[in-house]
Structures are given as C-alpha cells and as structure tokens.
Amino acid sequence: MQQRDGGEDPARIECIAVDAPQAEVPLMPSGALYLTMTHPHNLDFVIGTEVLRRA
C-alpha cells in the first residue's frame, strides 16, 4: 500500500474470521482501529462493546 506522498504505508489490514470475534479484541495491538462487518446486529453490539471497554 502506498501513501499519497509516494511513501510506504506501515499500516496493515487483517481480516479475521472466527466463531467468537469479540474474543479477538483483547488480542489486537494498542491503538488498533476496528471495522466490524457482521450480519447479526447483536454480534456487532457485542464486538463494539468489547472495543469500547478496551479504550
């Protein structure tokens, strides 16, 4: 991935597909950004709650 200034972008995107995605939140590095894309809204809520607890 390249930045607009032509430099290398140190960020990486990782897709995680597991049965209990909320359990992955504590394993993410400090300062990580989260994009939650699930079908069931109740699962989105559970994941979001874990992300906010970590903040």
C-alpha atoms as a PDB file:
ATOM      1  CA  MET A   1       0.000   0.000   0.000  1.00  0.00           C
ATOM      2  CA  GLN A   2       1.338   3.467  -0.774  1.00  0.00           C
ATOM      3  CA  GLN A   3       0.573   6.804   0.801  1.00  0.00           C
ATOM      4  CA  ARG A   4      -0.348   9.815  -1.345  1.00  0.00           C
ATOM      5  CA  ASP A   5       3.178  11.197  -0.963  1.00  0.00           C
ATOM      6  CA  GLY A   6       4.565   8.005  -2.517  1.00  0.00           C
ATOM      7  CA  GLY A   7       5.988   6.634   0.749  1.00  0.00           C
ATOM      8  CA  GLU A   8       5.238   3.206   2.109  1.00  0.00           C
ATOM      9  CA  ASP A   9       2.256   2.891   4.441  1.00  0.00           C
ATOM     10  CA  PRO A  10       3.203   0.953   7.599  1.00  0.00           C
ATOM     11  CA  ALA A  11      -0.452   0.135   8.348  1.00  0.00           C
ATOM     12  CA  ARG A  12      -1.830  -3.265   7.509  1.00  0.00           C
ATOM     13  CA  ILE A  13      -5.312  -4.629   7.180  1.00  0.00           C
ATOM     14  CA  GLU A  14      -6.108  -8.039   8.585  1.00  0.00           C
ATOM     15  CA  CYS A  15      -9.325  -9.950   8.030  1.00  0.00           C
ATOM     16  CA  ILE A  16     -10.220 -12.162  10.968  1.00  0.00           C
ATOM     17  CA  ALA A  17     -12.951 -14.770  10.529  1.00  0.00           C
ATOM     18  CA  VAL A  18     -13.559 -16.728  13.739  1.00  0.00           C
ATOM     19  CA  ASP A  19     -16.533 -18.112  15.653  1.00  0.00           C
ATOM     20  CA  ALA A  20     -16.152 -15.627  18.543  1.00  0.00           C
ATOM     21  CA  PRO A  21     -14.786 -12.360  17.093  1.00  0.00           C
ATOM     22  CA  GLN A  22     -15.346 -10.483  20.368  1.00  0.00           C
ATOM     23  CA  ALA A  23     -12.639 -12.671  21.908  1.00  0.00           C
ATOM     24  CA  GLU A  24     -10.141 -11.275  19.380  1.00  0.00           C
ATOM     25  CA  VAL A  25     -10.461  -7.677  20.612  1.00  0.00           C
ATOM     26  CA  PRO A  26      -8.080  -8.044  23.602  1.00  0.00           C
ATOM     27  CA  LEU A  27      -5.505  -9.629  21.297  1.00  0.00           C
ATOM     28  CA  MET A  28      -5.269  -6.606  18.992  1.00  0.00           C
ATOM     29  CA  PRO A  29      -2.330  -4.212  19.339  1.00  0.00           C
ATOM     30  CA  SER A  30      -2.711  -0.990  21.291  1.00  0.00           C
ATOM     31  CA  GLY A  31      -4.069   1.790  19.102  1.00  0.00           C
ATOM     32  CA  ALA A  32      -5.643  -0.622  16.597  1.00  0.00           C
ATOM     33  CA  LEU A  33      -8.587   0.545  14.527  1.00  0.00           C
ATOM     34  CA  TYR A  34     -11.602  -1.725  14.190  1.00  0.00           C
ATOM     35  CA  LEU A  35     -14.019  -2.228  11.312  1.00  0.00           C
ATOM     36  CA  THR A  36     -16.854  -4.547  12.284  1.00  0.00           C
ATOM     37  CA  MET A  37     -18.772  -6.140   9.436  1.00  0.00           C
ATOM     38  CA  THR A  38     -21.132  -8.904  10.531  1.00  0.00           C
ATOM     39  CA  HIS A  39     -24.695  -9.688   9.587  1.00  0.00           C
ATOM     40  CA  PRO A  40     -26.284 -10.081  13.047  1.00  0.00           C
ATOM     41  CA  HIS A  41     -26.641  -6.707  14.760  1.00  0.00           C
ATOM     42  CA  ASN A  42     -26.450  -8.273  18.214  1.00  0.00           C
ATOM     43  CA  LEU A  43     -22.958  -9.565  17.368  1.00  0.00           C
ATOM     44  CA  ASP A  44     -21.960  -6.087  16.130  1.00  0.00           C
ATOM     45  CA  PHE A  45     -23.106  -4.739  19.500  1.00  0.00           C
ATOM     46  CA  VAL A  46     -21.090  -7.325  21.461  1.00  0.00           C
ATOM     47  CA  ILE A  47     -17.939  -6.616  19.439  1.00  0.00           C
ATOM     48  CA  GLY A  48     -18.421  -2.861  19.733  1.00  0.00           C
ATOM     49  CA  THR A  49     -18.886  -3.158  23.494  1.00  0.00           C
ATOM     50  CA  GLU A  50     -15.584  -5.038  23.772  1.00  0.00           C
ATOM     51  CA  VAL A  51     -13.807  -2.415  21.648  1.00  0.00           C
ATOM     52  CA  LEU A  52     -15.166   0.417  23.820  1.00  0.00           C
ATOM     53  CA  ARG A  53     -14.175  -1.403  27.019  1.00  0.00           C
ATOM     54  CA  ARG A  54     -10.651  -1.555  25.725  1.00  0.00           C
ATOM     55  CA  ALA A  55     -10.456   2.184  25.006  1.00  0.00           C
END
